[in-house]
Amino acid sequence: MPRPIAVIGLGIMGSKLASRIMAAGNVVRGFDIDPERMSTFVAAGGQPATSPADAVAGCEIAVLSLLTSDIAREVCLGEAGISSAVDRPLLVLDTTTGDPATSVEIAGALAVVGIEFADMTISGNAAVADRGELVVMLGGSNAAFHDAGEVMRSIGRSWHHVGPVGAGARTKLIVNHVLAVNRMALAEGLVTAELSGLDPAATLEILRDSAARSGAMELWGDRMVAGDHERPNARLRQSHKDARLMIEHAQSVNAPTPALDVARGILAEGENSGLADKDNSSVIEVLRRRAGIGRIVTESEEEKDQR
């Protein structure tokens, strides 16, 4: 019988990864600090764990899906973290969108105790993950890429070995860099279409059929047109966090980021105006508000109106 696979971090993306790995016929041991997420995971057929170290008990592979590199470091190296687990061999696959240097740091510390680490980043939101159509970008050894094959096939439509540890995180930042600019361009174009009297839905279909076509249109186009930003596949505040990382990465290699700087400003405005936990398609709401055609009234705005 195959050994179970651990999934640590059962939020929007982690829960989808766990479901796909279970659907492929694997037993999954999961851990999250949120009791509600744990309950949902157990109801879906997962085995609960009480800590990261407990989650990897009996496992040869652990998948991390966490918000930041700092959290990944704590999960791997902190009290009751993965480094304190006794089972070997163990391969840790970190899908967190984070700092490449921290990935290298974590890999080095885990290697000391005989645990291999790879930054196995992914491209696609929760809806894409639900279909098992993520693009996987792994930074790590040849052996790690081989051993991660079962997990990569269960969650993705393609997988790429992009270099040593750290390369997966760097590649993910580049993908998200381009995607953030494409998302903002789409939002800007749709608002302009709406203001000029064009049907936004019809305009979106033409954009999809034109040379301007992009993956952003498939991920966010319909939600932008409908103004449907609830039930997030990825939260706006997470995209803002990612944009900060992308700019820091670009600055570290002296790359200019004029378009991304603008996109980050829009994300910051959205997060500070009540859209933080909306789907990241809600960047269009920031532009709609600037144009006087906003659709979402935040709680703070409602309170202002009442006063």
Protein backbone atom coordinates (compact mmCIF):
# COMPACT_ATOMS: atom_id res chain seq x y z
CA MET A 1 0.00 0.00 0.00
CA PRO A 2 1.29 3.52 -0.79
CA ARG A 3 2.30 5.67 2.16
CA PRO A 4 0.03 8.66 2.89
CA ILE A 5 0.82 12.16 1.63
CA ALA A 6 0.70 15.13 3.99
CA VAL A 7 -0.89 18.46 3.05
CA ILE A 8 -0.19 21.34 5.42
CA GLY A 9 -2.30 24.47 4.90
CA LEU A 10 -5.91 23.73 3.95
CA GLY A 11 -7.12 27.13 2.78
CA ILE A 12 -8.56 28.01 -0.62
CA MET A 13 -5.74 26.39 -2.58
CA GLY A 14 -4.52 23.78 -0.10
CA SER A 15 -7.97 22.22 0.24
CA LYS A 16 -8.14 21.83 -3.56
CA LEU A 17 -4.69 20.24 -3.67
CA ALA A 18 -5.69 17.80 -0.93
CA SER A 19 -8.87 16.89 -2.80
CA ARG A 20 -7.00 16.25 -6.05
CA ILE A 21 -4.38 14.10 -4.29
CA MET A 22 -7.14 12.09 -2.58
CA ALA A 23 -9.03 11.75 -5.87
CA ALA A 24 -5.91 10.14 -7.34
CA GLY A 25 -6.30 7.34 -4.80
CA ASN A 26 -3.99 8.57 -2.05
CA VAL A 27 -4.57 8.82 1.69
CA VAL A 28 -3.95 12.40 2.82
CA ARG A 29 -2.95 13.51 6.31
CA GLY A 30 -3.74 17.20 6.75
CA PHE A 31 -3.07 20.03 9.16
CA ASP A 32 -4.28 23.62 9.45
CA ILE A 33 -4.51 25.95 12.41
CA ASP A 34 -8.14 26.76 11.49
CA PRO A 35 -10.55 24.22 13.11
CA GLU A 36 -13.24 24.89 10.50
CA ARG A 37 -10.86 24.04 7.66
CA MET A 38 -9.85 20.88 9.50
CA SER A 39 -13.49 19.85 9.89
CA THR A 40 -14.13 20.37 6.19
CA PHE A 41 -11.02 18.35 5.35
CA VAL A 42 -12.07 15.45 7.56
CA ALA A 43 -15.59 15.50 6.13
CA ALA A 44 -14.03 15.15 2.67
CA GLY A 45 -12.20 11.99 3.73
CA GLY A 46 -8.87 13.32 5.00
CA GLN A 47 -6.98 12.15 8.06
CA PRO A 48 -6.48 14.95 10.64
CA ALA A 49 -3.15 15.77 12.26
CA THR A 50 -2.37 17.91 15.30
CA SER A 51 0.80 19.60 14.05
CA PRO A 52 3.09 19.74 11.01
CA ALA A 53 5.30 17.05 12.57
CA ASP A 54 2.27 14.86 13.21
CA ALA A 55 1.00 15.43 9.66
CA VAL A 56 4.15 13.98 8.08
CA ALA A 57 4.18 10.90 10.32
CA GLY A 58 4.30 7.86 8.06
CA CYS A 59 4.60 10.03 4.93
CA GLU A 60 7.35 10.25 2.33
CA ILE A 61 5.94 13.42 0.74
CA ALA A 62 4.53 16.59 2.33
CA VAL A 63 2.87 19.41 0.35
CA LEU A 64 2.78 22.92 1.82
CA SER A 65 0.18 25.50 0.79
CA LEU A 66 0.77 28.54 2.97
CA LEU A 67 0.31 32.29 2.79
CA THR A 68 3.90 33.48 3.24
CA SER A 69 7.50 32.30 3.36
CA ASP A 70 7.65 33.19 7.06
CA ILE A 71 4.82 30.75 7.76
CA ALA A 72 6.55 28.10 5.63
CA ARG A 73 9.74 28.58 7.66
CA GLU A 74 7.82 28.15 10.92
CA VAL A 75 6.01 25.05 9.64
CA CYS A 76 9.29 23.50 8.54
CA LEU A 77 11.69 24.63 11.27
CA GLY A 78 9.60 25.80 14.23
CA GLU A 79 8.36 24.00 17.32
CA ALA A 80 6.51 20.79 16.33
CA GLY A 81 7.61 21.57 12.78
CA ILE A 82 8.53 19.17 10.02
CA SER A 83 12.22 19.20 10.98
CA SER A 84 11.32 17.51 14.28
CA ALA A 85 9.62 14.58 12.54
CA VAL A 86 11.42 11.24 12.67
CA ASP A 87 10.29 9.54 9.46
CA ARG A 88 12.79 9.38 6.60
CA PRO A 89 12.96 9.64 3.66
CA LEU A 90 10.80 12.76 3.40
CA LEU A 91 10.37 15.21 0.51
CA VAL A 92 8.75 18.59 1.26
CA LEU A 93 7.07 20.27 -1.73
CA ASP A 94 6.34 23.93 -0.99
CA THR A 95 3.68 25.52 -3.23
CA THR A 96 3.74 28.81 -1.31
CA THR A 97 4.21 31.97 -3.38
CA GLY A 98 7.11 33.38 -1.44
CA ASP A 99 10.66 34.66 -1.24
CA PRO A 100 13.18 32.58 -3.24
CA ALA A 101 15.95 33.25 -0.71
CA THR A 102 13.78 31.85 2.08
CA SER A 103 13.21 28.69 0.05
CA VAL A 104 16.97 28.21 -0.17
CA GLU A 105 17.30 28.87 3.57
CA ILE A 106 14.62 26.32 4.46
CA ALA A 107 16.11 23.73 2.10
CA GLY A 108 19.52 24.08 3.74
CA ALA A 109 18.16 23.74 7.26
CA LEU A 110 16.07 20.68 6.40
CA ALA A 111 18.98 19.03 4.59
CA VAL A 112 20.90 19.04 7.86
CA VAL A 113 18.30 16.67 9.35
CA GLY A 114 18.01 14.54 6.21
CA ILE A 115 14.86 16.05 4.69
CA GLU A 116 14.76 17.17 1.06
CA PHE A 117 12.94 20.36 0.10
CA ALA A 118 11.73 21.67 -3.26
CA ASP A 119 9.85 24.87 -4.08
CA MET A 120 7.10 23.32 -6.21
CA THR A 121 5.16 26.43 -7.17
CA ILE A 122 1.93 26.36 -9.16
CA SER A 123 0.16 28.63 -11.64
CA GLY A 124 -3.63 28.81 -11.58
CA ASN A 125 -6.32 29.72 -9.08
CA ALA A 126 -8.55 27.45 -6.99
CA ALA A 127 -10.98 26.84 -9.86
CA VAL A 128 -8.10 25.65 -12.04
CA ALA A 129 -6.81 23.49 -9.18
CA ASP A 130 -10.26 21.95 -8.78
CA ARG A 131 -10.00 20.71 -12.38
CA GLY A 132 -6.46 19.40 -11.90
CA GLU A 133 -5.14 21.79 -14.54
CA LEU A 134 -2.42 23.67 -12.67
CA VAL A 135 0.97 24.37 -14.22
CA VAL A 136 3.70 23.13 -11.88
CA MET A 137 7.18 24.70 -11.66
CA LEU A 138 9.59 22.81 -9.44
CA GLY A 139 12.92 24.08 -8.14
CA GLY A 140 14.97 21.28 -6.69
CA SER A 141 17.09 18.24 -7.48
CA ASN A 142 16.47 15.79 -10.31
CA ALA A 143 15.52 13.22 -7.68
CA ALA A 144 12.95 15.59 -6.15
CA PHE A 145 11.40 16.23 -9.56
CA HIS A 146 11.14 12.49 -10.15
CA ASP A 147 9.75 11.72 -6.70
CA ALA A 148 7.19 14.53 -6.95
CA GLY A 149 5.76 13.00 -10.12
CA GLU A 150 2.72 11.40 -8.48
CA VAL A 151 1.69 14.65 -6.80
CA MET A 152 2.37 16.76 -9.90
CA ARG A 153 0.27 14.47 -12.10
CA SER A 154 -2.64 14.58 -9.64
CA ILE A 155 -2.81 18.39 -9.51
CA GLY A 156 -1.48 19.62 -12.83
CA ARG A 157 -1.79 19.52 -16.60
CA SER A 158 1.93 20.22 -17.07
CA TRP A 159 5.03 20.24 -14.92
CA HIS A 160 8.43 21.81 -15.41
CA HIS A 161 11.80 21.33 -13.69
CA VAL A 162 13.07 24.93 -13.70
CA GLY A 163 16.35 24.56 -11.81
CA PRO A 164 17.67 24.18 -8.24
CA VAL A 165 15.83 25.19 -5.08
CA GLY A 166 14.74 28.82 -5.38
CA ALA A 167 14.11 28.62 -9.12
CA GLY A 168 10.52 27.48 -8.59
CA ALA A 169 9.76 30.55 -6.47
CA ARG A 170 11.50 32.86 -8.95
CA THR A 171 9.58 31.40 -11.88
CA LYS A 172 6.28 31.77 -10.03
CA LEU A 173 7.01 35.44 -9.37
CA ILE A 174 7.69 36.03 -13.06
CA VAL A 175 4.43 34.28 -14.04
CA ASN A 176 2.47 36.31 -11.51
CA HIS A 177 4.27 39.50 -12.59
CA VAL A 178 2.96 39.16 -16.15
CA LEU A 179 -0.44 37.93 -14.97
CA ALA A 180 -0.93 40.92 -12.63
CA VAL A 181 -0.30 43.34 -15.49
CA ASN A 182 -2.62 41.38 -17.80
CA ARG A 183 -5.36 41.35 -15.15
CA MET A 184 -5.08 45.11 -14.71
CA ALA A 185 -5.12 45.73 -18.46
CA LEU A 186 -8.28 43.63 -18.77
CA ALA A 187 -10.02 45.51 -15.97
CA GLU A 188 -9.04 48.85 -17.50
CA GLY A 189 -10.29 47.84 -20.94
CA LEU A 190 -13.63 46.54 -19.65
CA VAL A 191 -14.30 49.70 -17.64
CA THR A 192 -13.49 51.82 -20.69
CA ALA A 193 -15.87 49.70 -22.78
CA GLU A 194 -18.64 50.14 -20.20
CA LEU A 195 -18.15 53.91 -20.05
CA SER A 196 -18.18 54.18 -23.83
CA GLY A 197 -21.55 52.46 -24.14
CA LEU A 198 -20.33 49.06 -25.30
CA ASP A 199 -21.66 45.80 -23.88
CA PRO A 200 -18.87 44.56 -21.56
CA ALA A 201 -19.83 40.90 -22.05
CA ALA A 202 -19.76 41.22 -25.84
CA THR A 203 -16.49 43.14 -25.61
CA LEU A 204 -14.97 40.37 -23.51
CA GLU A 205 -15.88 37.79 -26.16
CA ILE A 206 -14.24 39.91 -28.84
CA LEU A 207 -11.14 40.32 -26.68
CA ARG A 208 -10.97 36.55 -26.27
CA ASP A 209 -11.10 36.17 -30.04
CA SER A 210 -8.53 38.89 -30.73
CA ALA A 211 -4.78 39.31 -30.58
CA ALA A 212 -5.31 40.76 -27.08
CA ARG A 213 -6.36 37.35 -25.74
CA SER A 214 -4.74 36.32 -22.44
CA GLY A 215 -5.16 33.77 -19.69
CA ALA A 216 -6.41 36.60 -17.49
CA MET A 217 -9.60 36.68 -19.55
CA GLU A 218 -10.33 33.04 -18.78
CA LEU A 219 -9.56 33.38 -15.08
CA TRP A 220 -11.29 36.70 -14.35
CA GLY A 221 -13.15 38.02 -17.39
CA ASP A 222 -16.64 36.72 -16.61
CA ARG A 223 -16.37 37.65 -12.95
CA MET A 224 -15.25 41.18 -13.85
CA VAL A 225 -18.16 41.66 -16.24
CA ALA A 226 -20.68 40.33 -13.70
CA GLY A 227 -19.14 42.14 -10.73
CA ASP A 228 -19.04 38.76 -8.95
CA HIS A 229 -16.17 38.92 -6.50
CA GLU A 230 -17.51 36.76 -3.68
CA ARG A 231 -16.37 33.15 -3.06
CA PRO A 232 -12.75 34.01 -3.92
CA ASN A 233 -10.53 31.69 -5.90
CA ALA A 234 -7.68 33.93 -4.74
CA ARG A 235 -8.08 36.93 -2.46
CA LEU A 236 -7.13 40.45 -3.50
CA ARG A 237 -4.92 40.87 -0.42
CA GLN A 238 -2.94 37.79 -1.46
CA SER A 239 -2.37 39.29 -4.90
CA HIS A 240 -1.19 42.51 -3.23
CA LYS A 241 1.25 40.49 -1.11
CA ASP A 242 2.48 38.73 -4.23
CA ALA A 243 2.96 42.06 -6.02
CA ARG A 244 5.26 43.24 -3.24
CA LEU A 245 7.33 40.08 -3.63
CA MET A 246 7.43 40.48 -7.41
CA ILE A 247 8.71 44.03 -7.18
CA GLU A 248 11.32 43.07 -4.58
CA HIS A 249 12.48 40.24 -6.83
CA ALA A 250 12.72 42.50 -9.87
CA GLN A 251 14.60 45.14 -7.88
CA SER A 252 17.09 42.50 -6.72
CA VAL A 253 18.17 41.99 -10.35
CA ASN A 254 17.82 45.68 -11.32
CA ALA A 255 14.79 45.05 -13.56
CA PRO A 256 12.40 47.99 -14.11
CA THR A 257 8.73 47.43 -13.21
CA PRO A 258 6.70 50.46 -14.41
CA ALA A 259 3.57 48.46 -15.32
CA LEU A 260 3.69 46.32 -12.18
CA ASP A 261 4.14 49.42 -10.02
CA VAL A 262 0.80 50.71 -11.31
CA ALA A 263 -0.88 47.33 -10.77
CA ARG A 264 0.44 47.17 -7.21
CA GLY A 265 -0.97 50.63 -6.49
CA ILE A 266 -4.42 49.50 -7.64
CA LEU A 267 -4.20 46.40 -5.45
CA ALA A 268 -3.18 48.51 -2.45
CA GLU A 269 -6.13 50.84 -3.05
CA GLY A 270 -8.45 47.86 -3.25
CA GLU A 271 -7.16 46.26 -0.07
CA ASN A 272 -7.47 49.54 1.81
CA SER A 273 -11.01 50.17 0.60
CA GLY A 274 -12.78 47.02 1.77
CA LEU A 275 -11.92 44.58 -1.02
CA ALA A 276 -9.13 42.66 0.74
CA ASP A 277 -11.03 39.38 1.04
CA LYS A 278 -12.85 39.61 -2.27
CA ASP A 279 -11.70 37.64 -5.30
CA ASN A 280 -8.77 39.35 -6.99
CA SER A 281 -11.01 40.02 -9.98
CA SER A 282 -12.25 42.91 -7.81
CA VAL A 283 -9.39 45.07 -9.06
CA ILE A 284 -11.97 46.19 -11.63
CA GLU A 285 -14.08 47.59 -8.79
CA VAL A 286 -11.26 50.00 -7.91
CA LEU A 287 -11.39 51.39 -11.45
CA ARG A 288 -15.20 51.41 -11.49
CA ARG A 289 -15.19 53.45 -8.29
CA ARG A 290 -12.73 55.92 -9.77
CA ALA A 291 -15.09 56.28 -12.73
CA GLY A 292 -18.13 56.75 -10.49
CA ILE A 293 -19.77 53.43 -11.45
CA GLY A 294 -18.72 51.28 -8.49
CA ARG A 295 -20.93 48.32 -7.64
CA ILE A 296 -19.75 47.25 -4.17
CA VAL A 297 -20.56 49.18 -1.03
CA THR A 298 -18.17 48.16 1.72
CA GLU A 299 -19.15 47.97 5.37
CA SER A 300 -17.16 51.09 6.18
CA GLU A 301 -18.95 53.02 3.42
CA GLU A 302 -22.32 51.85 4.72
CA GLU A 303 -21.39 53.09 8.19
CA LYS A 304 -20.35 56.45 6.72
CA ASP A 305 -23.72 56.73 4.96
CA GLN A 306 -25.54 55.98 8.20
CA ARG A 307 -23.60 58.68 10.00
